[in-house]
Protein backbone atom coordinates (compact mmCIF):
# COMPACT_ATOMS: atom_id res chain seq x y z
CA MET A 1 40.80 -19.79 40.41
CA SER A 2 43.73 -22.15 39.70
CA GLU A 3 47.20 -20.94 38.89
CA GLN A 4 46.86 -22.46 35.42
CA ALA A 5 43.64 -20.54 34.79
CA ARG A 6 45.24 -17.29 35.92
CA ARG A 7 48.12 -17.82 33.51
CA ARG A 8 45.81 -18.63 30.55
CA PRO A 9 45.86 -15.71 28.08
CA PRO A 10 42.55 -13.93 27.54
CA LYS A 11 40.53 -14.90 24.52
CA PRO A 12 41.27 -12.61 21.59
CA HIS A 13 38.50 -10.14 20.79
CA ARG A 14 36.48 -11.42 17.84
CA ARG A 15 35.17 -8.90 15.41
CA PRO A 16 31.50 -9.45 14.57
CA LYS A 17 30.80 -10.73 11.10
CA LYS A 18 29.10 -8.16 8.93
CA ASP A 19 26.08 -9.59 7.14
CA PRO A 20 25.18 -7.12 4.33
CA VAL A 21 21.64 -8.46 3.94
CA ARG A 22 20.65 -8.05 7.58
CA ILE A 23 22.49 -4.75 7.96
CA LEU A 24 20.57 -3.40 4.99
CA ALA A 25 17.27 -4.64 6.44
CA PHE A 26 18.12 -2.99 9.78
CA GLU A 27 18.96 0.31 8.04
CA ALA A 28 15.63 0.25 6.21
CA LEU A 29 13.71 -0.39 9.44
CA ARG A 30 15.54 2.43 11.20
CA ALA A 31 14.65 4.82 8.36
CA VAL A 32 11.00 3.82 8.65
CA ASP A 33 11.08 4.25 12.43
CA GLU A 34 13.26 7.35 12.79
CA ARG A 35 12.36 9.41 9.73
CA GLY A 36 8.80 8.27 9.10
CA ALA A 37 9.91 6.93 5.72
CA TYR A 38 8.04 4.31 3.73
CA ALA A 39 9.76 1.02 2.99
CA ASN A 40 8.71 1.07 -0.66
CA LEU A 41 10.64 4.34 -1.06
CA VAL A 42 13.61 3.56 1.20
CA LEU A 43 14.38 0.00 0.14
CA PRO A 44 14.96 0.36 -3.64
CA PRO A 45 17.87 2.84 -3.37
CA LEU A 46 19.45 0.77 -0.59
CA LEU A 47 19.23 -2.34 -2.76
CA LYS A 48 20.58 -0.47 -5.78
CA LYS A 49 23.57 0.76 -3.79
CA ALA A 50 24.23 -2.73 -2.40
CA ARG A 51 24.09 -4.30 -5.86
CA ALA A 52 26.48 -1.66 -7.18
CA GLY A 53 28.98 -2.84 -4.57
CA GLY A 54 29.20 -6.17 -6.36
CA ASP A 55 28.65 -8.51 -3.39
CA PHE A 56 24.85 -8.43 -3.39
CA ASP A 57 22.90 -10.64 -5.77
CA GLY A 58 19.25 -11.26 -6.54
CA ARG A 59 18.79 -13.78 -3.74
CA ASP A 60 20.27 -11.32 -1.25
CA ALA A 61 17.86 -8.65 -2.46
CA ALA A 62 14.91 -11.02 -2.14
CA LEU A 63 15.88 -11.97 1.43
CA ALA A 64 16.40 -8.34 2.46
CA THR A 65 13.01 -7.42 1.01
CA GLU A 66 11.30 -10.27 2.85
CA LEU A 67 12.96 -9.34 6.13
CA VAL A 68 11.90 -5.70 5.88
CA TYR A 69 8.32 -6.17 4.71
CA GLY A 70 7.70 -9.28 6.78
CA THR A 71 8.89 -7.55 9.94
CA LEU A 72 6.75 -4.47 9.26
CA ARG A 73 3.63 -6.49 8.45
CA ARG A 74 3.87 -8.61 11.58
CA GLN A 75 5.18 -5.90 13.88
CA GLY A 76 2.16 -5.96 16.19
CA THR A 77 2.34 -9.71 16.63
CA TYR A 78 6.10 -9.69 17.20
CA ASP A 79 5.84 -6.82 19.69
CA ALA A 80 3.35 -8.87 21.74
CA ILE A 81 5.69 -11.87 21.72
CA ILE A 82 8.79 -9.82 22.55
CA ALA A 83 6.89 -8.14 25.39
CA ALA A 84 6.27 -11.58 26.90
CA CYS A 85 10.02 -12.29 26.83
CA VAL A 86 11.43 -9.13 28.40
CA ASP A 87 11.25 -7.88 31.97
CA ARG A 88 10.30 -4.28 31.17
CA PRO A 89 7.67 -2.42 29.13
CA LEU A 90 8.56 -2.25 25.43
CA ARG A 91 8.57 1.55 25.59
CA GLU A 92 11.66 1.25 27.80
CA VAL A 93 13.54 -0.84 25.22
CA ASP A 94 15.61 1.28 22.84
CA PRO A 95 14.00 1.41 19.36
CA PRO A 96 17.13 0.09 17.55
CA VAL A 97 17.15 -2.90 19.90
CA LEU A 98 13.46 -3.50 19.19
CA ASP A 99 14.15 -3.41 15.45
CA VAL A 100 16.84 -6.07 15.80
CA LEU A 101 14.59 -8.20 17.99
CA ALA A 102 11.72 -7.89 15.51
CA LEU A 103 14.03 -8.91 12.65
CA GLY A 104 15.07 -11.93 14.65
CA ALA A 105 11.50 -12.80 15.60
CA HIS A 106 10.47 -12.70 11.95
CA GLN A 107 13.28 -15.04 10.96
CA LEU A 108 12.32 -17.44 13.75
CA LEU A 109 8.54 -17.34 13.37
CA GLY A 110 7.83 -16.11 9.84
CA THR A 111 10.46 -17.72 7.60
CA ARG A 112 12.05 -21.10 6.98
CA ILE A 113 15.45 -19.99 8.19
CA PRO A 114 16.73 -22.64 10.66
CA THR A 115 16.48 -21.65 14.31
CA HIS A 116 20.20 -21.71 15.03
CA ALA A 117 20.95 -19.64 11.93
CA ALA A 118 18.24 -17.09 12.72
CA VAL A 119 19.51 -16.60 16.27
CA SER A 120 23.21 -16.51 15.47
CA ALA A 121 22.82 -14.19 12.47
CA THR A 122 20.66 -11.76 14.44
CA VAL A 123 23.03 -11.75 17.41
CA GLU A 124 25.92 -11.02 15.04
CA LEU A 125 23.86 -8.17 13.59
CA ALA A 126 23.31 -6.87 17.12
CA ARG A 127 27.05 -6.95 17.81
CA VAL A 128 27.68 -4.88 14.68
CA VAL A 129 24.94 -2.27 15.12
CA LEU A 130 24.33 -2.26 18.88
CA GLY A 131 27.52 -3.49 20.55
CA ASP A 132 28.40 -6.57 22.60
CA GLY A 133 26.45 -5.62 25.71
CA ARG A 134 23.08 -5.24 24.04
CA ALA A 135 23.83 -8.23 21.80
CA LYS A 136 23.72 -10.41 24.92
CA PHE A 137 20.25 -9.08 25.70
CA VAL A 138 19.16 -9.81 22.10
CA ASN A 139 20.55 -13.33 22.37
CA ALA A 140 18.66 -14.03 25.61
CA VAL A 141 15.34 -12.76 24.22
CA LEU A 142 15.64 -14.62 20.91
CA ARG A 143 16.43 -17.89 22.70
CA LYS A 144 13.18 -17.51 24.63
CA ILE A 145 11.27 -16.79 21.43
CA SER A 146 12.82 -19.80 19.70
CA GLN A 147 11.33 -22.19 22.26
CA GLU A 148 7.85 -21.98 20.66
CA ASP A 149 6.48 -21.73 17.13
CA LEU A 150 4.15 -18.93 16.01
CA ASP A 151 0.92 -20.79 16.73
CA ALA A 152 2.02 -21.61 20.26
CA TRP A 153 3.01 -18.01 20.89
CA LEU A 154 -0.33 -16.74 19.63
CA GLU A 155 -2.08 -19.08 22.04
CA ARG A 156 -0.12 -17.43 24.84
CA VAL A 157 -0.24 -13.72 23.91
CA ALA A 158 -3.59 -13.25 22.12
CA PRO A 159 -6.79 -13.16 24.18
CA PRO A 160 -9.43 -15.73 23.18
CA PHE A 161 -11.72 -14.59 20.38
CA GLU A 162 -14.77 -15.24 22.54
CA GLU A 163 -13.51 -12.87 25.25
CA ASP A 164 -12.31 -9.99 23.08
CA ALA A 165 -12.74 -10.54 19.36
CA GLU A 166 -11.13 -7.30 18.18
CA ASP A 167 -8.08 -7.61 20.42
CA HIS A 168 -7.66 -11.26 19.41
CA LEU A 169 -7.71 -10.32 15.73
CA ALA A 170 -5.39 -7.36 16.34
CA VAL A 171 -2.69 -9.55 17.91
CA VAL A 172 -3.08 -12.58 15.63
CA HIS A 173 -3.19 -10.55 12.40
CA SER A 174 -0.96 -7.65 13.43
CA HIS A 175 -3.28 -4.66 13.01
CA PRO A 176 -4.05 -1.95 15.56
CA ARG A 177 -7.31 -2.69 17.32
CA TRP A 178 -9.01 0.44 15.99
CA VAL A 179 -8.11 -0.53 12.42
CA VAL A 180 -9.61 -3.99 12.96
CA SER A 181 -12.80 -2.35 14.21
CA ALA A 182 -13.00 0.11 11.29
CA LEU A 183 -12.36 -2.56 8.65
CA TRP A 184 -14.91 -4.88 10.24
CA ASP A 185 -17.53 -2.10 10.20
CA ALA A 186 -16.84 -1.42 6.52
CA LEU A 187 -16.81 -5.10 5.54
CA GLY A 188 -19.70 -6.31 7.68
CA GLY A 189 -20.36 -10.01 8.15
CA GLY A 190 -18.90 -12.49 10.58
CA ARG A 191 -15.50 -13.73 11.65
CA ALA A 192 -14.40 -15.47 8.46
CA GLY A 193 -14.54 -12.40 6.25
CA ILE A 194 -12.60 -10.09 8.54
CA GLU A 195 -9.95 -12.74 9.17
CA ASP A 196 -9.55 -13.26 5.43
CA LEU A 197 -9.19 -9.51 4.91
CA LEU A 198 -6.65 -9.04 7.68
CA GLU A 199 -4.63 -12.00 6.45
CA ALA A 200 -4.70 -10.61 2.91
CA ASP A 201 -3.23 -7.37 4.25
CA ASN A 202 -0.24 -9.40 5.43
CA GLU A 203 0.42 -11.10 2.10
CA ARG A 204 2.92 -9.89 -0.45
CA PRO A 205 0.95 -8.18 -3.25
CA GLU A 206 1.46 -9.04 -6.87
CA VAL A 207 3.17 -6.54 -9.14
CA THR A 208 0.57 -5.57 -11.74
CA LEU A 209 1.24 -3.67 -14.94
CA VAL A 210 -1.14 -1.62 -17.05
CA ALA A 211 -0.86 -1.66 -20.83
CA ARG A 212 -1.78 1.89 -21.83
CA PRO A 213 -4.32 1.86 -24.68
CA GLY A 214 -3.06 3.13 -28.00
CA ARG A 215 0.54 2.48 -26.99
CA VAL A 216 0.70 -1.24 -26.21
CA THR A 217 -1.87 -3.99 -25.70
CA ALA A 218 -1.99 -6.43 -22.82
CA ALA A 219 -1.34 -9.27 -25.28
CA GLU A 220 1.76 -7.52 -26.63
CA LEU A 221 2.94 -6.86 -23.09
CA LEU A 222 2.43 -10.51 -22.15
CA ASP A 223 4.43 -11.62 -25.18
CA ALA A 224 7.22 -9.18 -24.37
CA VAL A 225 7.46 -10.29 -20.74
CA GLY A 226 7.03 -13.98 -21.56
CA GLN A 227 4.14 -16.28 -20.78
CA ASP A 228 6.19 -18.02 -18.08
CA GLN A 229 6.87 -14.70 -16.33
CA ALA A 230 3.44 -13.07 -16.44
CA LEU A 231 -0.30 -13.72 -16.43
CA PRO A 232 -3.28 -11.71 -17.71
CA GLY A 233 -5.08 -9.54 -15.19
CA ARG A 234 -8.09 -10.93 -13.39
CA TRP A 235 -10.50 -8.11 -14.18
CA SER A 236 -8.96 -5.28 -16.21
CA PRO A 237 -8.44 -5.95 -19.92
CA HIS A 238 -5.28 -3.83 -19.71
CA ALA A 239 -3.69 -5.62 -16.74
CA VAL A 240 -0.71 -7.99 -16.72
CA ARG A 241 0.43 -9.68 -13.51
CA LEU A 242 4.14 -10.35 -13.09
CA ALA A 243 5.42 -13.59 -11.64
CA GLU A 244 7.09 -13.36 -8.23
CA GLY A 245 10.40 -11.62 -8.51
CA GLY A 246 9.53 -9.93 -11.80
CA GLU A 247 11.27 -6.59 -12.26
CA PRO A 248 9.14 -3.92 -14.01
CA GLY A 249 12.16 -1.75 -14.75
CA ALA A 250 13.59 -4.51 -16.94
CA ILE A 251 10.60 -4.34 -19.32
CA GLU A 252 11.09 -2.10 -22.35
CA ALA A 253 7.45 -0.98 -22.53
CA VAL A 254 7.62 0.18 -18.89
CA ARG A 255 10.88 2.06 -19.44
CA GLU A 256 9.32 3.79 -22.45
CA GLY A 257 6.12 4.71 -20.62
CA ARG A 258 3.86 2.62 -22.86
CA ALA A 259 3.05 0.54 -19.78
CA GLY A 260 3.29 1.23 -16.07
CA VAL A 261 2.95 -0.32 -12.65
CA GLN A 262 -0.64 0.05 -11.48
CA ASP A 263 -2.82 -1.98 -9.13
CA GLU A 264 -5.77 -3.56 -10.88
CA GLY A 265 -8.19 -1.78 -8.52
CA SER A 266 -6.91 1.59 -9.70
CA GLN A 267 -7.32 0.48 -13.29
CA LEU A 268 -10.93 -0.53 -12.64
CA VAL A 269 -11.72 2.89 -11.14
CA ALA A 270 -10.43 4.73 -14.22
CA LEU A 271 -12.15 2.30 -16.62
CA ALA A 272 -15.48 2.63 -14.81
CA LEU A 273 -15.40 6.42 -14.99
CA ALA A 274 -14.56 6.26 -18.70
CA ALA A 275 -17.39 3.76 -19.33
CA ALA A 276 -20.11 5.66 -17.42
CA PRO A 277 -23.02 6.58 -19.72
CA LEU A 278 -23.01 10.21 -20.78
CA ASP A 279 -25.52 12.38 -22.61
CA GLY A 280 -24.08 15.06 -24.82
CA PRO A 281 -20.44 15.90 -25.59
CA ASP A 282 -17.53 13.87 -24.29
CA ARG A 283 -14.61 16.15 -25.08
CA ARG A 284 -13.06 17.38 -21.82
CA TRP A 285 -11.88 15.23 -18.93
CA LEU A 286 -10.34 16.23 -15.60
CA ASP A 287 -8.21 14.29 -13.14
CA GLY A 288 -8.44 16.61 -10.15
CA CYS A 289 -5.99 14.78 -7.83
CA ALA A 290 -3.63 13.38 -10.42
CA GLY A 291 -0.44 12.64 -8.53
CA PRO A 292 1.60 10.55 -8.92
CA GLY A 293 0.08 9.90 -12.34
CA GLY A 294 -0.99 6.27 -12.73
CA LYS A 295 -4.71 6.92 -13.19
CA ALA A 296 -4.00 10.08 -15.20
CA ALA A 297 -1.91 8.10 -17.68
CA LEU A 298 -4.66 5.51 -18.15
CA LEU A 299 -7.37 8.18 -18.37
CA GLY A 300 -5.27 10.11 -20.87
CA ALA A 301 -4.95 7.05 -23.08
CA LEU A 302 -8.68 6.30 -22.85
CA ALA A 303 -9.54 9.93 -23.59
CA ALA A 304 -7.24 9.89 -26.61
CA GLU A 305 -9.18 7.01 -28.12
CA ARG A 306 -12.25 9.31 -28.23
CA GLY A 307 -10.41 12.45 -29.23
CA ALA A 308 -10.98 13.96 -25.78
CA PHE A 309 -8.67 16.32 -23.91
CA LEU A 310 -7.40 15.55 -20.38
CA LEU A 311 -6.45 18.15 -17.80
CA ALA A 312 -4.41 16.57 -15.01
CA SER A 313 -4.23 18.74 -11.90
CA GLU A 314 -2.07 18.08 -8.85
CA LYS A 315 -1.55 20.42 -5.91
CA GLN A 316 2.05 19.50 -5.08
CA PRO A 317 4.51 20.69 -7.79
CA HIS A 318 6.87 17.72 -7.34
CA ARG A 319 3.98 15.30 -7.76
CA ALA A 320 2.74 17.28 -10.76
CA ARG A 321 6.13 16.63 -12.35
CA LEU A 322 5.60 12.90 -11.78
CA VAL A 323 2.24 13.20 -13.52
CA GLY A 324 3.93 14.87 -16.46
CA ARG A 325 6.39 11.99 -16.75
CA ALA A 326 3.58 9.42 -16.59
CA LEU A 327 1.67 11.21 -19.37
CA ALA A 328 4.68 11.85 -21.59
CA GLY A 329 4.03 10.34 -24.98
CA ASN A 330 0.26 10.16 -24.46
CA PRO A 331 -1.31 9.84 -27.93
CA GLY A 332 -3.97 12.48 -27.26
CA PRO A 333 -4.01 16.10 -26.07
CA TYR A 334 -3.41 16.77 -22.39
CA THR A 335 -2.13 19.43 -19.99
CA VAL A 336 -0.63 19.01 -16.53
CA ILE A 337 -0.94 21.82 -13.99
CA ALA A 338 -0.07 22.34 -10.33
CA ALA A 339 -3.30 23.58 -8.76
CA ASP A 340 -5.37 23.17 -5.60
CA GLY A 341 -8.54 21.24 -6.41
CA THR A 342 -10.40 22.94 -3.56
CA ARG A 343 -9.69 26.36 -5.14
CA PRO A 344 -9.61 25.46 -8.82
CA PRO A 345 -8.51 27.74 -11.65
CA TRP A 346 -11.06 26.32 -14.11
CA ARG A 347 -14.58 27.61 -14.67
CA GLU A 348 -17.64 25.82 -13.34
CA GLY A 349 -19.25 23.31 -15.67
CA THR A 350 -16.14 22.95 -17.86
CA PHE A 351 -15.72 19.17 -17.98
CA ASP A 352 -17.69 16.14 -19.14
CA ARG A 353 -15.93 13.62 -16.87
CA VAL A 354 -14.08 14.29 -13.62
CA LEU A 355 -12.12 11.97 -11.35
CA VAL A 356 -11.05 12.90 -7.81
CA ASP A 357 -8.97 10.20 -6.16
CA VAL A 358 -8.75 12.06 -2.87
CA PRO A 359 -5.99 12.04 -0.25
CA CYS A 360 -6.91 9.54 2.45
CA SER A 361 -5.65 7.30 5.24
CA GLY A 362 -4.36 4.66 2.81
CA LEU A 363 -5.93 1.83 4.81
CA GLY A 364 -6.79 0.15 1.52
CA ALA A 365 -3.12 -0.33 0.59
CA LEU A 366 -1.73 -1.91 3.76
CA ARG A 367 -0.29 -4.76 1.70
CA ARG A 368 2.00 -2.29 -0.02
CA ARG A 369 2.60 0.12 2.85
CA PRO A 370 2.38 -2.05 5.96
CA GLU A 371 3.89 0.65 8.19
CA ALA A 372 0.88 2.91 7.55
CA ARG A 373 -1.24 0.82 9.91
CA TRP A 374 1.04 1.77 12.82
CA ARG A 375 1.22 5.47 11.93
CA ARG A 376 -2.42 6.30 11.41
CA ARG A 377 -4.61 7.37 14.33
CA PRO A 378 -8.41 7.63 14.54
CA GLU A 379 -8.11 11.41 14.85
CA ASP A 380 -6.43 11.58 11.42
CA PHE A 381 -9.85 11.27 9.81
CA ASP A 382 -10.87 14.64 11.23
CA GLY A 383 -8.08 16.18 9.16
CA PHE A 384 -8.96 14.37 5.94
CA ALA A 385 -12.71 15.00 6.16
CA PRO A 386 -12.85 18.71 5.13
CA LEU A 387 -10.42 18.14 2.27
CA GLN A 388 -12.30 15.13 0.89
CA ARG A 389 -15.65 16.93 1.02
CA GLY A 390 -14.16 20.08 -0.49
CA LEU A 391 -12.62 18.17 -3.39
CA LEU A 392 -15.88 16.35 -4.14
CA ARG A 393 -17.91 19.59 -4.04
CA GLN A 394 -15.51 21.27 -6.44
CA ALA A 395 -15.53 18.23 -8.71
CA LEU A 396 -19.32 18.36 -8.93
CA GLY A 397 -19.05 22.05 -9.72
CA ALA A 398 -16.42 21.44 -12.37
CA VAL A 399 -18.57 19.00 -14.36
CA ARG A 400 -21.36 20.17 -16.65
CA VAL A 401 -24.98 19.24 -16.08
CA GLY A 402 -25.28 15.66 -17.28
CA GLY A 403 -21.58 15.04 -16.74
CA VAL A 404 -20.10 12.37 -14.48
CA VAL A 405 -17.89 12.60 -11.39
CA GLY A 406 -15.95 9.67 -9.95
CA TYR A 407 -15.09 9.96 -6.25
CA ALA A 408 -12.35 7.44 -5.40
CA THR A 409 -10.25 6.65 -2.38
CA CYS A 410 -7.77 3.94 -1.45
CA SER A 411 -9.54 3.28 1.81
CA PRO A 412 -12.55 1.22 2.85
CA HIS A 413 -13.12 3.30 6.00
CA LEU A 414 -16.74 4.46 6.01
CA ALA A 415 -15.71 7.94 7.14
CA GLU A 416 -13.76 8.34 3.88
CA THR A 417 -16.17 6.64 1.49
CA ARG A 418 -19.96 6.63 1.51
CA VAL A 419 -20.26 9.05 4.44
CA VAL A 420 -18.35 11.70 2.47
CA VAL A 421 -20.55 11.29 -0.60
CA GLU A 422 -23.79 11.34 1.37
CA ASP A 423 -22.73 14.40 3.35
CA VAL A 424 -21.92 16.35 0.19
CA LEU A 425 -25.14 15.35 -1.56
CA ARG A 426 -27.23 16.27 1.49
CA GLY A 427 -25.54 19.61 2.04
CA ARG A 428 -23.90 18.78 5.35
CA GLY A 429 -21.14 21.31 5.91
CA GLY A 430 -21.85 23.12 2.65
CA PRO A 431 -24.48 23.78 0.01
CA ALA A 432 -26.51 20.82 -1.23
CA LEU A 433 -25.58 19.82 -4.76
CA SER A 434 -27.90 18.40 -7.39
CA ALA A 435 -26.52 15.02 -8.39
CA GLU A 436 -27.68 11.44 -8.61
CA TRP A 437 -25.93 8.15 -8.04
CA ILE A 438 -24.86 6.00 -10.98
CA ASP A 439 -24.66 2.28 -10.32
CA ALA A 440 -20.94 1.56 -10.72
CA ARG A 441 -21.26 -2.23 -10.58
CA PRO A 442 -22.21 -2.84 -14.25
CA LEU A 443 -19.19 -0.72 -15.23
CA MET A 444 -16.85 -3.35 -13.76
CA PRO A 445 -17.99 -6.32 -15.86
CA GLY A 446 -17.00 -9.75 -14.60
CA VAL A 447 -15.91 -8.52 -11.17
CA PRO A 448 -17.78 -10.47 -8.45
CA ALA A 449 -18.86 -9.55 -4.93
CA LEU A 450 -19.41 -5.84 -5.55
CA GLY A 451 -22.08 -5.49 -2.90
CA ASP A 452 -25.48 -3.82 -3.04
CA GLY A 453 -24.34 -0.70 -4.90
CA PRO A 454 -24.65 1.85 -6.27
CA ASP A 455 -21.09 2.47 -5.13
CA VAL A 456 -18.34 -0.15 -5.22
CA GLN A 457 -15.83 -1.29 -2.62
CA LEU A 458 -13.02 -3.57 -3.78
CA TRP A 459 -11.20 -5.82 -1.29
CA PRO A 460 -7.79 -7.54 -1.24
CA HIS A 461 -9.21 -10.88 -0.08
CA LEU A 462 -12.09 -10.91 -2.58
CA HIS A 463 -10.59 -9.26 -5.65
CA GLY A 464 -6.81 -9.39 -5.18
CA THR A 465 -6.68 -5.59 -5.46
CA ASP A 466 -6.11 -2.73 -3.09
CA ALA A 467 -9.28 -1.79 -1.19
CA MET A 468 -10.34 0.91 -3.66
CA TYR A 469 -13.68 2.67 -3.29
CA LEU A 470 -15.62 4.30 -6.14
CA ALA A 471 -18.80 6.36 -6.20
CA LEU A 472 -20.08 7.64 -9.56
CA LEU A 473 -22.35 10.70 -9.60
CA ARG A 474 -24.13 12.53 -12.41
CA ARG A 475 -24.74 16.25 -12.01
CA THR A 476 -28.43 17.01 -12.53
CA ALA A 477 -28.59 20.82 -12.18
């Protein structure tokens, strides 16, 4: 080293620039990873706090939201790419470092952010949240990732479809292999359909509102929101779809409870149960798994139009309180209780219509809760199975002879849908119950591609809804 170099003063230490958008996105991902939180519950309070600080605007919120959800949706794909760029198994990379790398990979491969900006911003984030040493590692990995686009990376890290179709789809479309297999079994058909479904799971879902009958109409809701900010629903006469970026909380009817946020698939389930043909009285309805209250609020409004009473039952007290808020102001009579639907407090044969939207894996709502795909395991279905069968048996006992039961689940997995219904009707694991199928397809008028019946499975790629399942049964003895 020359004398001049030795005399040169060291470079002053530069403090990393704090980027509030990327720091917020990192905090949300850490909450999802560390605490098992869901992004749709973690992100809103973080955004609210950031906006309250005064230096966070709508565009910042939109970018933070895209970074969080985009990273979670494509986590499997990004993990495969990152694994090809590091010299150790991913399990040996600290989880916070992986979160920063995944955020950077999404900016490079899943957004229009320029390459240099994506790398430099993510390295600065690493300096703030990880320190200078690990920031150098992040920089080296991201520079490798930036050398190829997403298609080129998929060519490198995904096995050919012809050699291993399920693993190919799992890497390309960022789903665990077992989920790909289960969805393919439920959907049937060839390659095109399953690819469309998996891709739909990775798209940002629309925000859909429900206009609660007797309190506001869909036309009135459209007028209030503005024709340039909303569209009518595709299938439900009570649905209104918000334009991208629409904020439900800014709508007066939503704040007042006359309307609510509800996927169109959930609306169709409630409407089909209400429209099922019924002999005899139609005075008492039951929602046996009512939390958090969206279907209960719509059922309550539909029941009110006929002068019927709704009992909304939810096992968890805190969720029962949410049901009470959703039903507040309902034009007809209703009661909300905290009760276990497998050990119900009501007498047998009490109700004319019963809905049980049972707890399930949630594989039908991966658009909204992308992290669920990485948390679920095949063995989880063994835990859900007794509960789902128990709730359906009790629902069939709760309805009078001639009454109708709707069994619904936000999952297309066969183990949670038709298999449950068939097991209960055939007496597997319990007494056989006298009930017959009702064809649910005519009760969703105008909705295409509903299959062979009598039950109905909705799909994100075919109907633009969550993958809701509905079986309608009439008690015969």
